[in-house]
C-alpha atoms as a PDB file:
ATOM      1  CA  MET A   1     -16.197 -73.737  56.083  1.00  0.00           C
ATOM      2  CA  ARG A   2     -19.651 -74.820  56.893  1.00  0.00           C
ATOM      3  CA  ILE A   3     -20.120 -72.855  59.612  1.00  0.00           C
ATOM      4  CA  VAL A   4     -19.568 -69.362  57.737  1.00  0.00           C
ATOM      5  CA  ARG A   5     -21.802 -71.028  55.149  1.00  0.00           C
ATOM      6  CA  GLN A   6     -24.740 -71.082  57.947  1.00  0.00           C
ATOM      7  CA  LEU A   7     -24.156 -67.610  59.435  1.00  0.00           C
ATOM      8  CA  SER A   8     -24.377 -66.535  55.777  1.00  0.00           C
ATOM      9  CA  VAL A   9     -27.253 -67.621  55.176  1.00  0.00           C
ATOM     10  CA  ALA A  10     -28.767 -66.683  58.844  1.00  0.00           C
ATOM     11  CA  LEU A  11     -27.107 -63.580  57.736  1.00  0.00           C
ATOM     12  CA  ALA A  12     -28.892 -63.330  54.820  1.00  0.00           C
ATOM     13  CA  ILE A  13     -32.380 -64.149  56.116  1.00  0.00           C
ATOM     14  CA  VAL A  14     -32.572 -61.592  58.944  1.00  0.00           C
ATOM     15  CA  ALA A  15     -31.718 -59.183  56.352  1.00  0.00           C
ATOM     16  CA  ALA A  16     -34.690 -59.963  54.168  1.00  0.00           C
ATOM     17  CA  LEU A  17     -36.803 -59.781  57.448  1.00  0.00           C
ATOM     18  CA  ILE A  18     -36.287 -56.724  58.272  1.00  0.00           C
ATOM     19  CA  ALA A  19     -35.777 -54.937  54.742  1.00  0.00           C
ATOM     20  CA  PHE A  20     -39.519 -56.947  54.728  1.00  0.00           C
ATOM     21  CA  ASN A  21     -40.358 -55.222  57.878  1.00  0.00           C
ATOM     22  CA  ALA A  22     -39.066 -51.904  56.923  1.00  0.00           C
ATOM     23  CA  PRO A  23     -41.862 -49.026  55.926  1.00  0.00           C
ATOM     24  CA  ALA A  24     -41.629 -48.254  52.789  1.00  0.00           C
ATOM     25  CA  SER A  25     -41.180 -44.701  52.877  1.00  0.00           C
ATOM     26  CA  ALA A  26     -38.311 -42.400  51.046  1.00  0.00           C
ATOM     27  CA  LEU A  27     -37.628 -41.102  54.337  1.00  0.00           C
ATOM     28  CA  THR A  28     -34.893 -42.553  55.982  1.00  0.00           C
ATOM     29  CA  GLN A  29     -34.157 -42.911  60.042  1.00  0.00           C
ATOM     30  CA  GLN A  30     -31.778 -39.927  60.718  1.00  0.00           C
ATOM     31  CA  GLN A  31     -34.169 -37.716  58.345  1.00  0.00           C
ATOM     32  CA  TRP A  32     -37.253 -38.836  60.684  1.00  0.00           C
ATOM     33  CA  THR A  33     -35.338 -38.620  63.802  1.00  0.00           C
ATOM     34  CA  ASN A  34     -34.241 -34.295  62.603  1.00  0.00           C
ATOM     35  CA  VAL A  35     -38.080 -34.199  61.865  1.00  0.00           C
ATOM     36  CA  CYS A  36     -39.359 -35.244  64.967  1.00  0.00           C
ATOM     37  CA  LEU A  37     -36.430 -33.525  67.194  1.00  0.00           C
ATOM     38  CA  ASN A  38     -36.521 -30.412  65.216  1.00  0.00           C
ATOM     39  CA  PHE A  39     -40.075 -30.237  65.014  1.00  0.00           C
ATOM     40  CA  LEU A  40     -40.032 -29.617  61.223  1.00  0.00           C
ATOM     41  CA  GLY A  41     -42.886 -28.205  59.580  1.00  0.00           C
ATOM     42  CA  LEU A  42     -44.390 -27.098  56.257  1.00  0.00           C
ATOM     43  CA  ARG A  43     -45.828 -23.984  54.693  1.00  0.00           C
ATOM     44  CA  SER A  44     -46.597 -21.820  51.998  1.00  0.00           C
ATOM     45  CA  GLY A  45     -45.199 -18.804  52.728  1.00  0.00           C
ATOM     46  CA  ALA A  46     -45.531 -15.014  51.516  1.00  0.00           C
ATOM     47  CA  THR A  47     -42.202 -14.812  50.815  1.00  0.00           C
ATOM     48  CA  ALA A  48     -39.183 -17.400  51.128  1.00  0.00           C
ATOM     49  CA  VAL A  49     -38.227 -15.951  54.887  1.00  0.00           C
ATOM     50  CA  ASP A  50     -42.339 -15.928  56.337  1.00  0.00           C
ATOM     51  CA  VAL A  51     -43.067 -17.602  59.462  1.00  0.00           C
ATOM     52  CA  ASN A  52     -45.724 -15.422  60.351  1.00  0.00           C
ATOM     53  CA  GLY A  53     -48.759 -17.932  60.561  1.00  0.00           C
ATOM     54  CA  ALA A  54     -49.868 -21.510  60.757  1.00  0.00           C
ATOM     55  CA  GLY A  55     -47.638 -24.352  59.700  1.00  0.00           C
ATOM     56  CA  TYR A  56     -47.660 -28.331  59.254  1.00  0.00           C
ATOM     57  CA  GLY A  57     -46.688 -30.872  61.135  1.00  0.00           C
ATOM     58  CA  MET A  58     -43.961 -33.235  59.813  1.00  0.00           C
ATOM     59  CA  ASP A  59     -43.776 -34.917  62.988  1.00  0.00           C
ATOM     60  CA  ASN A  60     -47.539 -35.848  62.722  1.00  0.00           C
ATOM     61  CA  GLY A  61     -48.116 -35.125  66.255  1.00  0.00           C
ATOM     62  CA  ASN A  62     -45.996 -36.591  68.165  1.00  0.00           C
ATOM     63  CA  ASN A  63     -45.516 -35.808  71.467  1.00  0.00           C
ATOM     64  CA  ASN A  64     -42.969 -37.834  73.264  1.00  0.00           C
ATOM     65  CA  PRO A  65     -39.225 -37.828  71.998  1.00  0.00           C
ATOM     66  CA  MET A  66     -37.966 -41.358  72.420  1.00  0.00           C
ATOM     67  CA  ASN A  67     -40.492 -41.847  69.108  1.00  0.00           C
ATOM     68  CA  CYS A  68     -37.850 -39.888  68.093  1.00  0.00           C
ATOM     69  CA  LEU A  69     -36.097 -43.223  67.281  1.00  0.00           C
ATOM     70  CA  GLN A  70     -38.805 -45.045  66.549  1.00  0.00           C
ATOM     71  CA  PRO A  71     -38.963 -45.893  62.189  1.00  0.00           C
ATOM     72  CA  PRO A  72     -40.480 -43.004  60.551  1.00  0.00           C
ATOM     73  CA  PRO A  73     -44.561 -43.320  60.226  1.00  0.00           C
ATOM     74  CA  ALA A  74     -45.046 -45.987  57.546  1.00  0.00           C
ATOM     75  CA  ASN A  75     -47.602 -44.110  55.385  1.00  0.00           C
ATOM     76  CA  TRP A  76     -45.576 -41.013  55.508  1.00  0.00           C
ATOM     77  CA  ASP A  77     -45.446 -40.547  51.961  1.00  0.00           C
ATOM     78  CA  ASN A  78     -49.233 -40.067  51.313  1.00  0.00           C
ATOM     79  CA  ILE A  79     -49.277 -37.927  54.472  1.00  0.00           C
ATOM     80  CA  LEU A  80     -46.460 -35.823  53.005  1.00  0.00           C
ATOM     81  CA  ASN A  81     -48.986 -36.310  49.210  1.00  0.00           C
ATOM     82  CA  THR A  82     -52.220 -35.226  50.579  1.00  0.00           C
ATOM     83  CA  THR A  83     -50.619 -32.526  52.951  1.00  0.00           C
ATOM     84  CA  LEU A  84     -48.606 -30.771  49.816  1.00  0.00           C
ATOM     85  CA  THR A  85     -52.080 -31.466  47.477  1.00  0.00           C
ATOM     86  CA  LEU A  86     -53.994 -29.550  50.565  1.00  0.00           C
ATOM     87  CA  ILE A  87     -51.129 -26.718  50.384  1.00  0.00           C
ATOM     88  CA  LYS A  88     -51.580 -26.530  46.701  1.00  0.00           C
ATOM     89  CA  GLY A  89     -55.128 -26.467  46.609  1.00  0.00           C
ATOM     90  CA  PHE A  90     -55.801 -23.249  48.677  1.00  0.00           C
ATOM     91  CA  PRO A  91     -57.502 -20.166  46.846  1.00  0.00           C
ATOM     92  CA  ASN A  92     -53.818 -17.971  45.726  1.00  0.00           C
ATOM     93  CA  SER A  93     -51.280 -20.550  46.221  1.00  0.00           C
ATOM     94  CA  GLY A  94     -49.710 -20.096  42.992  1.00  0.00           C
ATOM     95  CA  PRO A  95     -47.310 -16.626  44.286  1.00  0.00           C
ATOM     96  CA  ARG A  96     -46.249 -18.805  48.044  1.00  0.00           C
ATOM     97  CA  TYR A  97     -43.460 -20.668  48.176  1.00  0.00           C
ATOM     98  CA  LEU A  98     -43.564 -23.798  50.246  1.00  0.00           C
ATOM     99  CA  LEU A  99     -41.019 -23.657  53.380  1.00  0.00           C
ATOM    100  CA  ILE A 100     -39.520 -26.091  55.882  1.00  0.00           C
ATOM    101  CA  VAL A 101     -39.518 -24.714  59.050  1.00  0.00           C
ATOM    102  CA  ASN A 102     -38.888 -25.465  62.373  1.00  0.00           C
ATOM    103  CA  GLY A 103     -40.749 -24.893  65.194  1.00  0.00           C
ATOM    104  CA  CYS A 104     -43.895 -25.893  63.978  1.00  0.00           C
ATOM    105  CA  PRO A 105     -45.219 -29.191  66.394  1.00  0.00           C
ATOM    106  CA  GLY A 106     -48.439 -30.973  64.411  1.00  0.00           C
ATOM    107  CA  LEU A 107     -51.094 -30.122  67.488  1.00  0.00           C
ATOM    108  CA  ALA A 108     -54.200 -29.938  65.471  1.00  0.00           C
ATOM    109  CA  ALA A 109     -55.536 -32.896  62.867  1.00  0.00           C
ATOM    110  CA  ASP A 110     -57.944 -30.364  61.090  1.00  0.00           C
ATOM    111  CA  TYR A 111     -56.837 -32.063  58.243  1.00  0.00           C
ATOM    112  CA  PRO A 112     -57.990 -35.808  57.277  1.00  0.00           C
ATOM    113  CA  GLY A 113     -55.135 -37.500  55.929  1.00  0.00           C
ATOM    114  CA  ALA A 114     -52.822 -34.396  56.058  1.00  0.00           C
ATOM    115  CA  PHE A 115     -50.054 -33.188  58.574  1.00  0.00           C
ATOM    116  CA  PRO A 116     -51.628 -32.065  61.746  1.00  0.00           C
ATOM    117  CA  LYS A 117     -51.436 -28.324  62.247  1.00  0.00           C
ATOM    118  CA  CYS A 118     -48.953 -26.244  64.038  1.00  0.00           C
ATOM    119  CA  ASN A 119     -51.258 -22.854  65.280  1.00  0.00           C
ATOM    120  CA  HIS A 120     -47.740 -20.811  64.963  1.00  0.00           C
ATOM    121  CA  VAL A 121     -44.657 -21.179  63.587  1.00  0.00           C
ATOM    122  CA  ASN A 122     -41.949 -20.690  66.907  1.00  0.00           C
ATOM    123  CA  GLY A 123     -38.884 -20.953  64.535  1.00  0.00           C
ATOM    124  CA  ASN A 124     -37.214 -19.950  61.402  1.00  0.00           C
ATOM    125  CA  VAL A 125     -37.091 -21.348  58.061  1.00  0.00           C
ATOM    126  CA  VAL A 126     -34.964 -24.248  56.944  1.00  0.00           C
ATOM    127  CA  ILE A 127     -34.747 -24.062  53.451  1.00  0.00           C
ATOM    128  CA  ALA A 128     -37.518 -22.416  50.903  1.00  0.00           C
ATOM    129  CA  THR A 129     -38.433 -23.805  47.615  1.00  0.00           C
ATOM    130  CA  PRO A 130     -36.811 -21.494  44.774  1.00  0.00           C
ATOM    131  CA  LEU A 131     -39.434 -21.126  43.151  1.00  0.00           C
ATOM    132  CA  THR A 132     -43.390 -20.586  43.867  1.00  0.00           C
ATOM    133  CA  LEU A 133     -45.654 -22.953  44.208  1.00  0.00           C
ATOM    134  CA  ALA A 134     -47.153 -22.733  41.072  1.00  0.00           C
ATOM    135  CA  ASN A 135     -43.922 -23.902  39.426  1.00  0.00           C
ATOM    136  CA  TYR A 136     -43.863 -27.096  40.774  1.00  0.00           C
ATOM    137  CA  THR A 137     -46.203 -30.265  40.889  1.00  0.00           C
ATOM    138  CA  VAL A 138     -47.314 -32.096  44.338  1.00  0.00           C
ATOM    139  CA  PRO A 139     -44.736 -34.716  43.143  1.00  0.00           C
ATOM    140  CA  GLN A 140     -41.995 -32.550  42.177  1.00  0.00           C
ATOM    141  CA  LEU A 141     -42.572 -31.084  46.095  1.00  0.00           C
ATOM    142  CA  VAL A 142     -42.805 -34.171  47.072  1.00  0.00           C
ATOM    143  CA  VAL A 143     -39.419 -35.373  46.112  1.00  0.00           C
ATOM    144  CA  TRP A 144     -37.343 -31.749  47.035  1.00  0.00           C
ATOM    145  CA  VAL A 145     -39.553 -32.156  50.840  1.00  0.00           C
ATOM    146  CA  ASN A 146     -37.321 -35.111  51.466  1.00  0.00           C
ATOM    147  CA  ALA A 147     -34.901 -33.882  49.699  1.00  0.00           C
ATOM    148  CA  ASN A 148     -34.274 -31.130  51.808  1.00  0.00           C
ATOM    149  CA  LEU A 149     -34.902 -33.107  55.365  1.00  0.00           C
END
């Protein structure tokens, strides 16, 4: 019985240390791997299927596939929030849709604190917001993105 109790205490300590060292992010490991391997990105589109143009690579500039197996960036939520604030802040963004697209590797860190820009989406729309950007706040969009990865 003593061994079981000691093992339980040791497991509890290890679990606490793992939880303490894990990045504080709404993004799970499975979602990060999906984002990273599929080069998922964000863009605002004139329609719900508009992939003609630039986006923001949510892979955060990763160019090493092995990094897709590492934990998600610790500052994911901040970068996502900044990127969505930037997207909504563009003139005439209200009638556009927020799109999660694939084939959008982040290559150019043009905007401080935001995901790197991909100059051209080379994939398809994975999912689009049902309504235009004018109908959402940035916190609502953060929740939507995290729920749809």
